[in-house]
């Protein structure tokens, strides 16, 4: 599970950087992902 969460986080970061999102947009995406993972957990 820890490896799955780490891989999901790395893929999200890669996708945000590859899509050209700004730091603020990346922070929002990371916060939404964190909240979704908290609910699932």
ModelCIF file with pLDDT and N, C-alpha, C, O atoms, coordinates in Angstrom:
data_MODEL
#
_entry.id   MODEL 
#
_entity.id                         1 
_entity.type                       polymer 
_entity.pdbx_number_of_molecules   1 
#
_entity_poly.entity_id                      1 
_entity_poly.type                           'polypeptide(L)' 
_entity_poly.nstd_linkage                   no 
_entity_poly.nstd_monomer                   no 
_entity_poly.pdbx_seq_one_letter_code       
;(UNK)(UNK)(UNK)(UNK)(UNK)(UNK)(UNK)(UNK)(UNK)(UNK)(UNK)(UNK)(UNK)(UNK)(UNK)(UNK)
(UNK)(UNK)(UNK)(UNK)(UNK)(UNK)(UNK)(UNK)(UNK)(UNK)(UNK)(UNK)(UNK)(UNK)(UNK)(UNK)
(UNK)(UNK)(UNK)(UNK)(UNK)(UNK)(UNK)(UNK)(UNK)
;
_entity_poly.pdbx_seq_one_letter_code_can   XXXXXXXXXXXXXXXXXXXXXXXXXXXXXXXXXXXXXXXXX 
_entity_poly.pdbx_strand_id                 A 
#
loop_
_entity_poly_seq.entity_id 
_entity_poly_seq.num 
_entity_poly_seq.mon_id 
_entity_poly_seq.hetero 
1 1  UNK n 
1 2  UNK n 
1 3  UNK n 
1 4  UNK n 
1 5  UNK n 
1 6  UNK n 
1 7  UNK n 
1 8  UNK n 
1 9  UNK n 
1 10 UNK n 
1 11 UNK n 
1 12 UNK n 
1 13 UNK n 
1 14 UNK n 
1 15 UNK n 
1 16 UNK n 
1 17 UNK n 
1 18 UNK n 
1 19 UNK n 
1 20 UNK n 
1 21 UNK n 
1 22 UNK n 
1 23 UNK n 
1 24 UNK n 
1 25 UNK n 
1 26 UNK n 
1 27 UNK n 
1 28 UNK n 
1 29 UNK n 
1 30 UNK n 
1 31 UNK n 
1 32 UNK n 
1 33 UNK n 
1 34 UNK n 
1 35 UNK n 
1 36 UNK n 
1 37 UNK n 
1 38 UNK n 
1 39 UNK n 
1 40 UNK n 
1 41 UNK n 
#
_struct_asym.id          A 
_struct_asym.entity_id   1 
#
loop_
_ma_qa_metric.id 
_ma_qa_metric.mode 
_ma_qa_metric.name 
_ma_qa_metric.software_group_id 
_ma_qa_metric.type 
1 global pLDDT . pLDDT 
2 local  pLDDT . pLDDT 
#
_ma_qa_metric_global.metric_id      1 
_ma_qa_metric_global.metric_value   82.29 
_ma_qa_metric_global.model_id       1 
_ma_qa_metric_global.ordinal_id     1 
#
loop_
_ma_qa_metric_local.label_asym_id 
_ma_qa_metric_local.label_comp_id 
_ma_qa_metric_local.label_seq_id 
_ma_qa_metric_local.metric_id 
_ma_qa_metric_local.metric_value 
_ma_qa_metric_local.model_id 
_ma_qa_metric_local.ordinal_id 
A UNK 1  2 79.00 1 1  
A UNK 2  2 81.00 1 2  
A UNK 3  2 87.00 1 3  
A UNK 4  2 84.00 1 4  
A UNK 5  2 79.00 1 5  
A UNK 6  2 84.00 1 6  
A UNK 7  2 87.00 1 7  
A UNK 8  2 81.00 1 8  
A UNK 9  2 77.00 1 9  
A UNK 10 2 83.00 1 10 
A UNK 11 2 83.00 1 11 
A UNK 12 2 75.00 1 12 
A UNK 13 2 76.00 1 13 
A UNK 14 2 81.00 1 14 
A UNK 15 2 79.00 1 15 
A UNK 16 2 75.00 1 16 
A UNK 17 2 78.00 1 17 
A UNK 18 2 81.00 1 18 
A UNK 19 2 79.00 1 19 
A UNK 20 2 79.00 1 20 
A UNK 21 2 77.00 1 21 
A UNK 22 2 81.00 1 22 
A UNK 23 2 81.00 1 23 
A UNK 24 2 85.00 1 24 
A UNK 25 2 81.00 1 25 
A UNK 26 2 78.00 1 26 
A UNK 27 2 83.00 1 27 
A UNK 28 2 85.00 1 28 
A UNK 29 2 79.00 1 29 
A UNK 30 2 80.00 1 30 
A UNK 31 2 87.00 1 31 
A UNK 32 2 86.00 1 32 
A UNK 33 2 81.00 1 33 
A UNK 34 2 85.00 1 34 
A UNK 35 2 90.00 1 35 
A UNK 36 2 87.00 1 36 
A UNK 37 2 84.00 1 37 
A UNK 38 2 90.00 1 38 
A UNK 39 2 92.00 1 39 
A UNK 40 2 87.00 1 40 
A UNK 41 2 87.00 1 41 
#
loop_
_atom_site.group_PDB 
_atom_site.id 
_atom_site.type_symbol 
_atom_site.label_atom_id 
_atom_site.label_alt_id 
_atom_site.label_comp_id 
_atom_site.label_asym_id 
_atom_site.label_entity_id 
_atom_site.label_seq_id 
_atom_site.pdbx_PDB_ins_code 
_atom_site.Cartn_x 
_atom_site.Cartn_y 
_atom_site.Cartn_z 
_atom_site.occupancy 
_atom_site.B_iso_or_equiv 
_atom_site.pdbx_formal_charge 
_atom_site.auth_seq_id 
_atom_site.auth_comp_id 
_atom_site.auth_asym_id 
_atom_site.auth_atom_id 
_atom_site.pdbx_PDB_model_num 
ATOM 1   N N  . UNK A 1 1  ? 0.838   -1.205 0.000   1.00 79.00 ? 1  UNK A N  1 
ATOM 2   C CA . UNK A 1 1  ? 0.000   0.000  0.000   1.00 79.00 ? 1  UNK A CA 1 
ATOM 3   C C  . UNK A 1 1  ? 0.871   1.252  0.000   1.00 79.00 ? 1  UNK A C  1 
ATOM 4   O O  . UNK A 1 1  ? 0.577   2.209  -0.717  1.00 79.00 ? 1  UNK A O  1 
ATOM 5   N N  . UNK A 1 2  ? 1.934   1.256  0.794   1.00 81.00 ? 2  UNK A N  1 
ATOM 6   C CA . UNK A 1 2  ? 2.837   2.412  0.833   1.00 81.00 ? 2  UNK A CA 1 
ATOM 7   C C  . UNK A 1 2  ? 3.480   2.621  -0.534  1.00 81.00 ? 2  UNK A C  1 
ATOM 8   O O  . UNK A 1 2  ? 3.583   3.754  -1.005  1.00 81.00 ? 2  UNK A O  1 
ATOM 9   N N  . UNK A 1 3  ? 3.905   1.553  -1.161  1.00 87.00 ? 3  UNK A N  1 
ATOM 10  C CA . UNK A 1 3  ? 4.508   1.662  -2.499  1.00 87.00 ? 3  UNK A CA 1 
ATOM 11  C C  . UNK A 1 3  ? 3.480   2.180  -3.514  1.00 87.00 ? 3  UNK A C  1 
ATOM 12  O O  . UNK A 1 3  ? 3.813   2.995  -4.374  1.00 87.00 ? 3  UNK A O  1 
ATOM 13  N N  . UNK A 1 4  ? 2.242   1.710  -3.415  1.00 84.00 ? 4  UNK A N  1 
ATOM 14  C CA . UNK A 1 4  ? 1.194   2.163  -4.330  1.00 84.00 ? 4  UNK A CA 1 
ATOM 15  C C  . UNK A 1 4  ? 0.931   3.654  -4.164  1.00 84.00 ? 4  UNK A C  1 
ATOM 16  O O  . UNK A 1 4  ? 0.794   4.370  -5.156  1.00 84.00 ? 4  UNK A O  1 
ATOM 17  N N  . UNK A 1 5  ? 0.858   4.129  -2.929  1.00 79.00 ? 5  UNK A N  1 
ATOM 18  C CA . UNK A 1 5  ? 0.631   5.555  -2.670  1.00 79.00 ? 5  UNK A CA 1 
ATOM 19  C C  . UNK A 1 5  ? 1.820   6.381  -3.168  1.00 79.00 ? 5  UNK A C  1 
ATOM 20  O O  . UNK A 1 5  ? 1.631   7.450  -3.750  1.00 79.00 ? 5  UNK A O  1 
ATOM 21  N N  . UNK A 1 6  ? 3.041   5.893  -2.943  1.00 84.00 ? 6  UNK A N  1 
ATOM 22  C CA . UNK A 1 6  ? 4.230   6.623  -3.409  1.00 84.00 ? 6  UNK A CA 1 
ATOM 23  C C  . UNK A 1 6  ? 4.265   6.701  -4.928  1.00 84.00 ? 6  UNK A C  1 
ATOM 24  O O  . UNK A 1 6  ? 4.590   7.747  -5.489  1.00 84.00 ? 6  UNK A O  1 
ATOM 25  N N  . UNK A 1 7  ? 3.937   5.616  -5.590  1.00 87.00 ? 7  UNK A N  1 
ATOM 26  C CA . UNK A 1 7  ? 3.921   5.611  -7.063  1.00 87.00 ? 7  UNK A CA 1 
ATOM 27  C C  . UNK A 1 7  ? 2.822   6.534  -7.580  1.00 87.00 ? 7  UNK A C  1 
ATOM 28  O O  . UNK A 1 7  ? 3.028   7.255  -8.557  1.00 87.00 ? 7  UNK A O  1 
ATOM 29  N N  . UNK A 1 8  ? 1.639   6.519  -6.926  1.00 81.00 ? 8  UNK A N  1 
ATOM 30  C CA . UNK A 1 8  ? 0.553   7.400  -7.346  1.00 81.00 ? 8  UNK A CA 1 
ATOM 31  C C  . UNK A 1 8  ? 0.956   8.861  -7.173  1.00 81.00 ? 8  UNK A C  1 
ATOM 32  O O  . UNK A 1 8  ? 0.664   9.685  -8.040  1.00 81.00 ? 8  UNK A O  1 
ATOM 33  N N  . UNK A 1 9  ? 1.621   9.194  -6.070  1.00 77.00 ? 9  UNK A N  1 
ATOM 34  C CA . UNK A 1 9  ? 2.084   10.563 -5.845  1.00 77.00 ? 9  UNK A CA 1 
ATOM 35  C C  . UNK A 1 9  ? 3.121   10.989 -6.872  1.00 77.00 ? 9  UNK A C  1 
ATOM 36  O O  . UNK A 1 9  ? 3.076   12.108 -7.382  1.00 77.00 ? 9  UNK A O  1 
ATOM 37  N N  . UNK A 1 10 ? 4.061   10.089 -7.176  1.00 83.00 ? 10 UNK A N  1 
ATOM 38  C CA . UNK A 1 10 ? 5.085   10.413 -8.180  1.00 83.00 ? 10 UNK A CA 1 
ATOM 39  C C  . UNK A 1 10 ? 4.467   10.605 -9.556  1.00 83.00 ? 10 UNK A C  1 
ATOM 40  O O  . UNK A 1 10 ? 4.870   11.500 -10.299 1.00 83.00 ? 10 UNK A O  1 
ATOM 41  N N  . UNK A 1 11 ? 3.490   9.771  -9.900  1.00 83.00 ? 11 UNK A N  1 
ATOM 42  C CA . UNK A 1 11 ? 2.821   9.920  -11.210 1.00 83.00 ? 11 UNK A CA 1 
ATOM 43  C C  . UNK A 1 11 ? 2.039   11.217 -11.277 1.00 83.00 ? 11 UNK A C  1 
ATOM 44  O O  . UNK A 1 11 ? 2.006   11.863 -12.324 1.00 83.00 ? 11 UNK A O  1 
ATOM 45  N N  . UNK A 1 12 ? 1.403   11.614 -10.171 1.00 75.00 ? 12 UNK A N  1 
ATOM 46  C CA . UNK A 1 12 ? 0.662   12.874 -10.146 1.00 75.00 ? 12 UNK A CA 1 
ATOM 47  C C  . UNK A 1 12 ? 1.612   14.051 -10.326 1.00 75.00 ? 12 UNK A C  1 
ATOM 48  O O  . UNK A 1 12 ? 1.331   14.978 -11.086 1.00 75.00 ? 12 UNK A O  1 
ATOM 49  N N  . UNK A 1 13 ? 2.735   14.005 -9.623  1.00 76.00 ? 13 UNK A N  1 
ATOM 50  C CA . UNK A 1 13 ? 3.722   15.081 -9.759  1.00 76.00 ? 13 UNK A CA 1 
ATOM 51  C C  . UNK A 1 13 ? 4.267   15.152 -11.191 1.00 76.00 ? 13 UNK A C  1 
ATOM 52  O O  . UNK A 1 13 ? 4.390   16.233 -11.766 1.00 76.00 ? 13 UNK A O  1 
ATOM 53  N N  . UNK A 1 14 ? 4.587   13.995 -11.748 1.00 81.00 ? 14 UNK A N  1 
ATOM 54  C CA . UNK A 1 14 ? 5.082   13.959 -13.133 1.00 81.00 ? 14 UNK A CA 1 
ATOM 55  C C  . UNK A 1 14 ? 4.049   14.512 -14.097 1.00 81.00 ? 14 UNK A C  1 
ATOM 56  O O  . UNK A 1 14 ? 4.390   15.262 -15.012 1.00 81.00 ? 14 UNK A O  1 
ATOM 57  N N  . UNK A 1 15 ? 2.775   14.146 -13.897 1.00 79.00 ? 15 UNK A N  1 
ATOM 58  C CA . UNK A 1 15 ? 1.712   14.606 -14.791 1.00 79.00 ? 15 UNK A CA 1 
ATOM 59  C C  . UNK A 1 15 ? 1.526   16.125 -14.684 1.00 79.00 ? 15 UNK A C  1 
ATOM 60  O O  . UNK A 1 15 ? 1.325   16.810 -15.686 1.00 79.00 ? 15 UNK A O  1 
ATOM 61  N N  . UNK A 1 16 ? 1.596   16.637 -13.445 1.00 75.00 ? 16 UNK A N  1 
ATOM 62  C CA . UNK A 1 16 ? 1.446   18.086 -13.254 1.00 75.00 ? 16 UNK A CA 1 
ATOM 63  C C  . UNK A 1 16 ? 2.594   18.842 -13.934 1.00 75.00 ? 16 UNK A C  1 
ATOM 64  O O  . UNK A 1 16 ? 2.363   19.860 -14.587 1.00 75.00 ? 16 UNK A O  1 
ATOM 65  N N  . UNK A 1 17 ? 3.806   18.357 -13.786 1.00 78.00 ? 17 UNK A N  1 
ATOM 66  C CA . UNK A 1 17 ? 4.969   19.026 -14.394 1.00 78.00 ? 17 UNK A CA 1 
ATOM 67  C C  . UNK A 1 17 ? 4.913   18.903 -15.915 1.00 78.00 ? 17 UNK A C  1 
ATOM 68  O O  . UNK A 1 17 ? 5.189   19.868 -16.628 1.00 78.00 ? 17 UNK A O  1 
ATOM 69  N N  . UNK A 1 18 ? 4.556   17.717 -16.412 1.00 81.00 ? 18 UNK A N  1 
ATOM 70  C CA . UNK A 1 18 ? 4.511   17.491 -17.857 1.00 81.00 ? 18 UNK A CA 1 
ATOM 71  C C  . UNK A 1 18 ? 3.400   18.308 -18.518 1.00 81.00 ? 18 UNK A C  1 
ATOM 72  O O  . UNK A 1 18 ? 3.534   18.703 -19.676 1.00 81.00 ? 18 UNK A O  1 
ATOM 73  N N  . UNK A 1 19 ? 2.321   18.563 -17.806 1.00 79.00 ? 19 UNK A N  1 
ATOM 74  C CA . UNK A 1 19 ? 1.210   19.338 -18.376 1.00 79.00 ? 19 UNK A CA 1 
ATOM 75  C C  . UNK A 1 19 ? 1.453   20.829 -18.294 1.00 79.00 ? 19 UNK A C  1 
ATOM 76  O O  . UNK A 1 19 ? 0.685   21.603 -18.865 1.00 79.00 ? 19 UNK A O  1 
ATOM 77  N N  . UNK A 1 20 ? 2.488   21.254 -17.607 1.00 79.00 ? 20 UNK A N  1 
ATOM 78  C CA . UNK A 1 20 ? 2.823   22.677 -17.520 1.00 79.00 ? 20 UNK A CA 1 
ATOM 79  C C  . UNK A 1 20 ? 2.022   23.433 -16.491 1.00 79.00 ? 20 UNK A C  1 
ATOM 80  O O  . UNK A 1 20 ? 1.857   24.648 -16.605 1.00 79.00 ? 20 UNK A O  1 
ATOM 81  N N  . UNK A 1 21 ? 1.512   22.730 -15.470 1.00 77.00 ? 21 UNK A N  1 
ATOM 82  C CA . UNK A 1 21 ? 0.765   23.431 -14.423 1.00 77.00 ? 21 UNK A CA 1 
ATOM 83  C C  . UNK A 1 21 ? 1.719   24.279 -13.588 1.00 77.00 ? 21 UNK A C  1 
ATOM 84  O O  . UNK A 1 21 ? 2.896   23.955 -13.433 1.00 77.00 ? 21 UNK A O  1 
ATOM 85  N N  . UNK A 1 22 ? 1.184   25.361 -13.063 1.00 81.00 ? 22 UNK A N  1 
ATOM 86  C CA . UNK A 1 22 ? 1.988   26.214 -12.186 1.00 81.00 ? 22 UNK A CA 1 
ATOM 87  C C  . UNK A 1 22 ? 2.099   25.563 -10.811 1.00 81.00 ? 22 UNK A C  1 
ATOM 88  O O  . UNK A 1 22 ? 1.462   24.546 -10.534 1.00 81.00 ? 22 UNK A O  1 
ATOM 89  N N  . UNK A 1 23 ? 2.920   26.168 -9.958  1.00 81.00 ? 23 UNK A N  1 
ATOM 90  C CA . UNK A 1 23 ? 3.109   25.639 -8.597  1.00 81.00 ? 23 UNK A CA 1 
ATOM 91  C C  . UNK A 1 23 ? 1.791   25.663 -7.824  1.00 81.00 ? 23 UNK A C  1 
ATOM 92  O O  . UNK A 1 23 ? 1.505   24.730 -7.073  1.00 81.00 ? 23 UNK A O  1 
ATOM 93  N N  . UNK A 1 24 ? 0.982   26.716 -7.995  1.00 85.00 ? 24 UNK A N  1 
ATOM 94  C CA . UNK A 1 24 ? -0.310  26.804 -7.298  1.00 85.00 ? 24 UNK A CA 1 
ATOM 95  C C  . UNK A 1 24 ? -1.253  25.694 -7.764  1.00 85.00 ? 24 UNK A C  1 
ATOM 96  O O  . UNK A 1 24 ? -1.934  25.078 -6.944  1.00 85.00 ? 24 UNK A O  1 
ATOM 97  N N  . UNK A 1 25 ? -1.298  25.439 -9.057  1.00 81.00 ? 25 UNK A N  1 
ATOM 98  C CA . UNK A 1 25 ? -2.165  24.377 -9.580  1.00 81.00 ? 25 UNK A CA 1 
ATOM 99  C C  . UNK A 1 25 ? -1.676  23.001 -9.108  1.00 81.00 ? 25 UNK A C  1 
ATOM 100 O O  . UNK A 1 25 ? -2.483  22.118 -8.818  1.00 81.00 ? 25 UNK A O  1 
ATOM 101 N N  . UNK A 1 26 ? -0.356  22.826 -9.033  1.00 78.00 ? 26 UNK A N  1 
ATOM 102 C CA . UNK A 1 26 ? 0.192   21.571 -8.544  1.00 78.00 ? 26 UNK A CA 1 
ATOM 103 C C  . UNK A 1 26 ? -0.158  21.370 -7.062  1.00 78.00 ? 26 UNK A C  1 
ATOM 104 O O  . UNK A 1 26 ? -0.475  20.258 -6.642  1.00 78.00 ? 26 UNK A O  1 
ATOM 105 N N  . UNK A 1 27 ? -0.099  22.440 -6.286  1.00 83.00 ? 27 UNK A N  1 
ATOM 106 C CA . UNK A 1 27 ? -0.437  22.358 -4.864  1.00 83.00 ? 27 UNK A CA 1 
ATOM 107 C C  . UNK A 1 27 ? -1.909  21.991 -4.684  1.00 83.00 ? 27 UNK A C  1 
ATOM 108 O O  . UNK A 1 27 ? -2.245  21.191 -3.810  1.00 83.00 ? 27 UNK A O  1 
ATOM 109 N N  . UNK A 1 28 ? -2.794  22.572 -5.510  1.00 85.00 ? 28 UNK A N  1 
ATOM 110 C CA . UNK A 1 28 ? -4.228  22.240 -5.432  1.00 85.00 ? 28 UNK A CA 1 
ATOM 111 C C  . UNK A 1 28 ? -4.453  20.773 -5.793  1.00 85.00 ? 28 UNK A C  1 
ATOM 112 O O  . UNK A 1 28 ? -5.219  20.077 -5.126  1.00 85.00 ? 28 UNK A O  1 
ATOM 113 N N  . UNK A 1 29 ? -3.782  20.303 -6.852  1.00 79.00 ? 29 UNK A N  1 
ATOM 114 C CA . UNK A 1 29 ? -3.946  18.901 -7.262  1.00 79.00 ? 29 UNK A CA 1 
ATOM 115 C C  . UNK A 1 29 ? -3.440  17.961 -6.177  1.00 79.00 ? 29 UNK A C  1 
ATOM 116 O O  . UNK A 1 29 ? -4.066  16.938 -5.899  1.00 79.00 ? 29 UNK A O  1 
ATOM 117 N N  . UNK A 1 30 ? -2.308  18.301 -5.561  1.00 80.00 ? 30 UNK A N  1 
ATOM 118 C CA . UNK A 1 30 ? -1.766  17.465 -4.485  1.00 80.00 ? 30 UNK A CA 1 
ATOM 119 C C  . UNK A 1 30 ? -2.699  17.458 -3.275  1.00 80.00 ? 30 UNK A C  1 
ATOM 120 O O  . UNK A 1 30 ? -2.870  16.418 -2.639  1.00 80.00 ? 30 UNK A O  1 
ATOM 121 N N  . UNK A 1 31 ? -3.302  18.598 -2.947  1.00 87.00 ? 31 UNK A N  1 
ATOM 122 C CA . UNK A 1 31 ? -4.228  18.673 -1.809  1.00 87.00 ? 31 UNK A CA 1 
ATOM 123 C C  . UNK A 1 31 ? -5.487  17.846 -2.072  1.00 87.00 ? 31 UNK A C  1 
ATOM 124 O O  . UNK A 1 31 ? -5.980  17.151 -1.183  1.00 87.00 ? 31 UNK A O  1 
ATOM 125 N N  . UNK A 1 32 ? -5.997  17.927 -3.289  1.00 86.00 ? 32 UNK A N  1 
ATOM 126 C CA . UNK A 1 32 ? -7.195  17.139 -3.636  1.00 86.00 ? 32 UNK A CA 1 
ATOM 127 C C  . UNK A 1 32 ? -6.873  15.646 -3.578  1.00 86.00 ? 32 UNK A C  1 
ATOM 128 O O  . UNK A 1 32 ? -7.664  14.850 -3.072  1.00 86.00 ? 32 UNK A O  1 
ATOM 129 N N  . UNK A 1 33 ? -5.707  15.279 -4.101  1.00 81.00 ? 33 UNK A N  1 
ATOM 130 C CA . UNK A 1 33 ? -5.305  13.871 -4.066  1.00 81.00 ? 33 UNK A CA 1 
ATOM 131 C C  . UNK A 1 33 ? -5.129  13.393 -2.626  1.00 81.00 ? 33 UNK A C  1 
ATOM 132 O O  . UNK A 1 33 ? -5.543  12.286 -2.282  1.00 81.00 ? 33 UNK A O  1 
ATOM 133 N N  . UNK A 1 34 ? -4.514  14.228 -1.784  1.00 85.00 ? 34 UNK A N  1 
ATOM 134 C CA . UNK A 1 34 ? -4.327  13.866 -0.371  1.00 85.00 ? 34 UNK A CA 1 
ATOM 135 C C  . UNK A 1 34 ? -5.672  13.669 0.320   1.00 85.00 ? 34 UNK A C  1 
ATOM 136 O O  . UNK A 1 34 ? -5.849  12.720 1.083   1.00 85.00 ? 34 UNK A O  1 
ATOM 137 N N  . UNK A 1 35 ? -6.618  14.566 0.052   1.00 90.00 ? 35 UNK A N  1 
ATOM 138 C CA . UNK A 1 35 ? -7.948  14.443 0.668   1.00 90.00 ? 35 UNK A CA 1 
ATOM 139 C C  . UNK A 1 35 ? -8.670  13.186 0.192   1.00 90.00 ? 35 UNK A C  1 
ATOM 140 O O  . UNK A 1 35 ? -9.316  12.495 0.981   1.00 90.00 ? 35 UNK A O  1 
ATOM 141 N N  . UNK A 1 36 ? -8.555  12.893 -1.111  1.00 87.00 ? 36 UNK A N  1 
ATOM 142 C CA . UNK A 1 36 ? -9.199  11.688 -1.645  1.00 87.00 ? 36 UNK A CA 1 
ATOM 143 C C  . UNK A 1 36 ? -8.586  10.429 -1.032  1.00 87.00 ? 36 UNK A C  1 
ATOM 144 O O  . UNK A 1 36 ? -9.309  9.502  -0.666  1.00 87.00 ? 36 UNK A O  1 
ATOM 145 N N  . UNK A 1 37 ? -7.256  10.391 -0.918  1.00 84.00 ? 37 UNK A N  1 
ATOM 146 C CA . UNK A 1 37 ? -6.601  9.232  -0.312  1.00 84.00 ? 37 UNK A CA 1 
ATOM 147 C C  . UNK A 1 37 ? -6.956  9.095  1.169   1.00 84.00 ? 37 UNK A C  1 
ATOM 148 O O  . UNK A 1 37 ? -7.067  7.977  1.672   1.00 84.00 ? 37 UNK A O  1 
ATOM 149 N N  . UNK A 1 38 ? -7.134  10.208 1.868   1.00 90.00 ? 38 UNK A N  1 
ATOM 150 C CA . UNK A 1 38 ? -7.541  10.159 3.277   1.00 90.00 ? 38 UNK A CA 1 
ATOM 151 C C  . UNK A 1 38 ? -8.930  9.552  3.417   1.00 90.00 ? 38 UNK A C  1 
ATOM 152 O O  . UNK A 1 38 ? -9.172  8.733  4.303   1.00 90.00 ? 38 UNK A O  1 
ATOM 153 N N  . UNK A 1 39 ? -9.839  9.959  2.539   1.00 92.00 ? 39 UNK A N  1 
ATOM 154 C CA . UNK A 1 39 ? -11.207 9.406  2.579   1.00 92.00 ? 39 UNK A CA 1 
ATOM 155 C C  . UNK A 1 39 ? -11.183 7.912  2.289   1.00 92.00 ? 39 UNK A C  1 
ATOM 156 O O  . UNK A 1 39 ? -11.850 7.139  2.976   1.00 92.00 ? 39 UNK A O  1 
ATOM 157 N N  . UNK A 1 40 ? -10.426 7.499  1.284   1.00 87.00 ? 40 UNK A N  1 
ATOM 158 C CA . UNK A 1 40 ? -10.327 6.077  0.938   1.00 87.00 ? 40 UNK A CA 1 
ATOM 159 C C  . UNK A 1 40 ? -9.728  5.299  2.107   1.00 87.00 ? 40 UNK A C  1 
ATOM 160 O O  . UNK A 1 40 ? -10.199 4.208  2.428   1.00 87.00 ? 40 UNK A O  1 
ATOM 161 N N  . UNK A 1 41 ? -8.698  5.846  2.743   1.00 87.00 ? 41 UNK A N  1 
ATOM 162 C CA . UNK A 1 41 ? -8.070  5.166  3.883   1.00 87.00 ? 41 UNK A CA 1 
ATOM 163 C C  . UNK A 1 41 ? -9.041  5.014  5.053   1.00 87.00 ? 41 UNK A C  1 
ATOM 164 O O  . UNK A 1 41 ? -8.675  4.464  6.091   1.00 87.00 ? 41 UNK A O  1 
#
